[in-house]
Protein backbone atom coordinates (compact mmCIF):
# COMPACT_ATOMS: atom_id res chain seq x y z
CA MET A 1 -37.97 -10.22 -27.60
CA ALA A 2 -34.69 -11.91 -26.91
CA THR A 3 -31.65 -9.93 -25.91
CA ALA A 4 -28.29 -10.81 -27.37
CA GLN A 5 -25.84 -12.31 -24.91
CA PRO A 6 -22.22 -11.22 -25.20
CA SER A 7 -19.84 -13.82 -26.53
CA GLY A 8 -17.62 -15.77 -24.14
CA SER A 9 -14.45 -14.00 -25.24
CA ASN A 10 -16.00 -10.55 -24.63
CA VAL A 11 -17.07 -11.55 -21.13
CA LEU A 12 -13.62 -12.94 -20.37
CA LEU A 13 -11.92 -9.77 -21.64
CA ARG A 14 -14.27 -7.51 -19.66
CA ASN A 15 -13.80 -9.56 -16.48
CA SER A 16 -10.01 -9.56 -16.91
CA ILE A 17 -9.91 -5.79 -17.33
CA CYS A 18 -12.13 -5.28 -14.28
CA ALA A 19 -10.01 -7.67 -12.18
CA GLY A 20 -6.81 -5.86 -13.17
CA ALA A 21 -8.33 -2.46 -12.40
CA ALA A 22 -9.56 -3.69 -9.00
CA ALA A 23 -6.17 -5.16 -8.10
CA GLY A 24 -4.34 -2.00 -9.15
CA THR A 25 -6.72 0.21 -7.19
CA ALA A 26 -6.45 -1.96 -4.07
CA THR A 27 -2.65 -1.97 -4.26
CA GLY A 28 -2.49 1.75 -4.80
CA LEU A 29 -4.82 2.58 -1.93
CA PHE A 30 -3.95 0.01 0.70
CA ASN A 31 -0.21 -0.56 0.23
CA PRO A 32 0.74 2.72 2.00
CA LEU A 33 -1.55 1.81 4.90
CA ASP A 34 -0.06 -1.67 5.17
CA THR A 35 3.48 -0.26 5.04
CA LEU A 36 2.55 2.23 7.76
CA ARG A 37 1.13 -0.59 9.91
CA VAL A 38 4.28 -2.70 9.55
CA ARG A 39 6.58 0.22 10.34
CA TRP A 40 4.46 1.12 13.38
CA GLN A 41 4.68 -2.47 14.65
CA LEU A 42 8.46 -2.62 14.14
CA ILE A 43 9.24 0.51 16.17
CA PRO A 44 9.99 -1.43 19.40
CA VAL A 45 12.14 -3.97 17.55
CA LEU A 46 14.18 -1.46 15.56
CA SER A 47 14.35 1.42 18.03
CA GLY A 48 17.91 0.53 19.06
CA SER A 49 19.19 0.17 15.51
CA SER A 50 21.01 3.08 13.92
CA ALA A 51 20.17 1.78 10.44
CA THR A 52 16.53 2.82 10.67
CA SER A 53 15.26 6.31 10.17
CA ALA A 54 12.51 6.09 12.75
CA PRO A 55 10.58 9.29 13.38
CA PRO A 56 11.16 11.05 16.71
CA PRO A 57 9.23 9.75 19.75
CA ALA A 58 6.83 12.71 19.66
CA ALA A 59 5.71 11.62 16.18
CA ARG A 60 4.79 8.17 17.49
CA THR A 61 1.92 9.38 19.66
CA SER A 62 -0.62 8.84 16.88
CA LEU A 63 -0.68 7.01 13.60
CA LEU A 64 -1.41 10.21 11.68
CA ARG A 65 1.59 12.00 13.21
CA PHE A 66 3.71 8.94 12.50
CA ALA A 67 2.63 8.97 8.84
CA ARG A 68 3.29 12.71 8.54
CA ALA A 69 6.78 12.30 10.02
CA ILE A 70 7.62 9.53 7.54
CA VAL A 71 6.34 11.54 4.58
CA ALA A 72 8.24 14.62 5.77
CA SER A 73 11.53 12.76 6.17
CA GLU A 74 11.39 10.21 3.33
CA GLY A 75 8.59 11.34 1.02
CA PHE A 76 5.35 9.53 0.23
CA TYR A 77 6.71 7.26 -2.49
CA SER A 78 9.95 6.21 -0.77
CA GLY A 79 8.54 6.11 2.74
CA LEU A 80 5.09 4.59 2.40
CA TRP A 81 4.34 3.31 -1.08
CA ARG A 82 7.50 1.69 -2.44
CA PRO A 83 8.54 -0.54 0.52
CA GLY A 84 5.70 -3.05 0.14
CA ALA A 85 4.60 -2.53 -3.44
CA LEU A 86 6.61 -5.35 -4.99
CA ALA A 87 5.57 -7.88 -2.34
CA THR A 88 1.93 -6.87 -2.71
CA MET A 89 2.04 -7.17 -6.49
CA LEU A 90 3.72 -10.57 -6.35
CA SER A 91 1.19 -12.03 -3.92
């Protein structure tokens, strides 16, 4: 008994949909973590600038406290997700 192989266009469509779903999931899950990492690394550089809304020093004792302080002051979307979303999607 021979099994029918899907046509080339069906395989291409299925692979394209899966690739798009994987890229969207990765961006949605890891962009906030990457934004948090970059903001954590820039604390020493930007600590003297009045233009930044850096969390208080007590919030910088752990990454979780740092993330909570950002979400409390700026919100999840504006503070963690939006800053790097466009750059991640364009790369």
